C-alpha atoms as a PDB file:
ATOM      1  CA  MET A   1      14.170  -0.858  -4.485  1.00  0.00           C
ATOM      2  CA  VAL A   2      10.535  -1.568  -5.408  1.00  0.00           C
ATOM      3  CA  LYS A   3      11.375  -1.555  -9.119  1.00  0.00           C
ATOM      4  CA  GLU A   4      14.374  -3.855  -8.641  1.00  0.00           C
ATOM      5  CA  ILE A   5      12.332  -6.437  -6.728  1.00  0.00           C
ATOM      6  CA  GLU A   6       9.639  -6.368  -9.426  1.00  0.00           C
ATOM      7  CA  ARG A   7      12.324  -6.680 -12.090  1.00  0.00           C
ATOM      8  CA  ALA A   8      13.478  -9.883 -10.346  1.00  0.00           C
ATOM      9  CA  GLY A   9       9.977 -11.292 -10.861  1.00  0.00           C
ATOM     10  CA  LEU A  10       8.382 -10.701  -7.454  1.00  0.00           C
ATOM     11  CA  PRO A  11       5.260  -8.511  -7.369  1.00  0.00           C
ATOM     12  CA  ILE A  12       5.412  -5.737  -4.765  1.00  0.00           C
ATOM     13  CA  VAL A  13       2.778  -3.545  -3.137  1.00  0.00           C
ATOM     14  CA  HIS A  14       4.037  -0.170  -1.940  1.00  0.00           C
ATOM     15  CA  MET A  15       1.924   0.977   1.005  1.00  0.00           C
ATOM     16  CA  CYS A  16       2.531   4.669   1.587  1.00  0.00           C
ATOM     17  CA  THR A  17       1.073   7.887   2.903  1.00  0.00           C
ATOM     18  CA  VAL A  18       2.401  10.130   0.119  1.00  0.00           C
ATOM     19  CA  VAL A  19       1.251   8.638  -3.191  1.00  0.00           C
ATOM     20  CA  PRO A  20       3.118  11.123  -5.439  1.00  0.00           C
ATOM     21  CA  ILE A  21       6.427   9.877  -4.010  1.00  0.00           C
ATOM     22  CA  SER A  22       5.484   6.281  -4.839  1.00  0.00           C
ATOM     23  CA  LEU A  23       4.574   7.352  -8.347  1.00  0.00           C
ATOM     24  CA  THR A  24       7.919   9.134  -8.681  1.00  0.00           C
ATOM     25  CA  VAL A  25       9.953   6.107  -7.593  1.00  0.00           C
ATOM     26  CA  GLY A  26       8.054   3.918 -10.065  1.00  0.00           C
ATOM     27  CA  ALA A  27       6.041   1.619  -7.821  1.00  0.00           C
ATOM     28  CA  ASN A  28       3.497  -0.353  -9.855  1.00  0.00           C
ATOM     29  CA  ARG A  29       0.996  -1.251  -7.121  1.00  0.00           C
ATOM     30  CA  ILE A  30       0.343   1.534  -4.614  1.00  0.00           C
ATOM     31  CA  VAL A  31      -1.949   1.381  -1.591  1.00  0.00           C
ATOM     32  CA  PRO A  32      -2.493   4.703   0.200  1.00  0.00           C
ATOM     33  CA  THR A  33      -2.279   4.493   3.996  1.00  0.00           C
ATOM     34  CA  ILE A  34      -3.328   6.709   6.908  1.00  0.00           C
ATOM     35  CA  ALA A  35      -0.723   9.271   8.001  1.00  0.00           C
ATOM     36  CA  ILE A  36       3.053   9.746   8.005  1.00  0.00           C
ATOM     37  CA  PRO A  37       3.571   9.060  11.731  1.00  0.00           C
ATOM     38  CA  HIS A  38       1.103   6.123  11.697  1.00  0.00           C
ATOM     39  CA  PRO A  39       0.938   4.634   8.181  1.00  0.00           C
ATOM     40  CA  LEU A  40      -0.908   1.456   9.194  1.00  0.00           C
ATOM     41  CA  GLY A  41      -2.882   2.644  12.162  1.00  0.00           C
ATOM     42  CA  ASN A  42      -4.638   5.398  14.029  1.00  0.00           C
ATOM     43  CA  PRO A  43      -3.784   5.646  17.735  1.00  0.00           C
ATOM     44  CA  SER A  44      -6.883   7.737  18.422  1.00  0.00           C
ATOM     45  CA  LEU A  45      -9.074   4.690  17.690  1.00  0.00           C
ATOM     46  CA  ASP A  46      -9.890   2.033  20.245  1.00  0.00           C
ATOM     47  CA  ALA A  47      -8.137  -1.323  19.843  1.00  0.00           C
ATOM     48  CA  LYS A  48     -11.015  -3.014  17.983  1.00  0.00           C
ATOM     49  CA  ASP A  49     -11.438  -0.209  15.437  1.00  0.00           C
ATOM     50  CA  GLU A  50      -7.706   0.101  14.863  1.00  0.00           C
ATOM     51  CA  PHE A  51      -7.467  -3.653  14.251  1.00  0.00           C
ATOM     52  CA  GLU A  52     -10.258  -3.407  11.662  1.00  0.00           C
ATOM     53  CA  LEU A  53      -8.503  -0.461   9.984  1.00  0.00           C
ATOM     54  CA  ARG A  54      -5.228  -2.388   9.761  1.00  0.00           C
ATOM     55  CA  TYR A  55      -7.011  -5.518   8.607  1.00  0.00           C
ATOM     56  CA  HIS A  56      -8.669  -3.670   5.707  1.00  0.00           C
ATOM     57  CA  LEU A  57      -5.407  -2.000   4.660  1.00  0.00           C
ATOM     58  CA  VAL A  58      -3.594  -5.339   4.539  1.00  0.00           C
ATOM     59  CA  GLU A  59      -6.567  -6.903   2.753  1.00  0.00           C
ATOM     60  CA  ARG A  60      -6.411  -4.142   0.120  1.00  0.00           C
ATOM     61  CA  ALA A  61      -2.663  -4.717  -0.269  1.00  0.00           C
ATOM     62  CA  LEU A  62      -3.196  -8.448  -0.786  1.00  0.00           C
ATOM     63  CA  LYS A  63      -5.842  -7.773  -3.437  1.00  0.00           C
ATOM     64  CA  ALA A  64      -3.428  -5.365  -5.136  1.00  0.00           C
ATOM     65  CA  LEU A  65      -0.725  -8.017  -5.005  1.00  0.00           C
ATOM     66  CA  GLU A  66      -2.865 -10.537  -6.874  1.00  0.00           C
ATOM     67  CA  THR A  67      -4.075  -8.006  -9.462  1.00  0.00           C
ATOM     68  CA  PRO A  68      -2.143  -8.016 -12.744  1.00  0.00           C
ATOM     69  CA  VAL A  69      -1.018  -4.500 -13.710  1.00  0.00           C
ATOM     70  CA  ASP A  70       0.794  -3.130 -16.749  1.00  0.00           C
ATOM     71  CA  LYS A  71       1.214   0.429 -15.470  1.00  0.00           C
ATOM     72  CA  GLN A  72       1.323   2.259 -12.161  1.00  0.00           C
ATOM     73  CA  THR A  73      -1.946   1.678 -10.317  1.00  0.00           C
ATOM     74  CA  VAL A  74      -3.205   3.264  -7.108  1.00  0.00           C
ATOM     75  CA  PHE A  75      -5.580   0.972  -5.212  1.00  0.00           C
ATOM     76  CA  GLU A  76      -7.963   3.355  -3.461  1.00  0.00           C
ATOM     77  CA  LYS A  77     -10.764   2.272  -1.142  1.00  0.00           C
END
């Protein structure tokens, strides 16, 4: 689905915990996340720290979204 949306002209960021799967499906912009049961969070953190973690992940995804790419790119920390 990621490739079809991009083909329609809308840039997509695939946030995932298993980067090789994203590479296999052909996602162009990939942002690694935390863990399979909690991709955008960490329940062992207190509320403030978890908010900061989520904030930075979304911030990284937004930066990936505005970055022009011509091949598959993984946006690490």
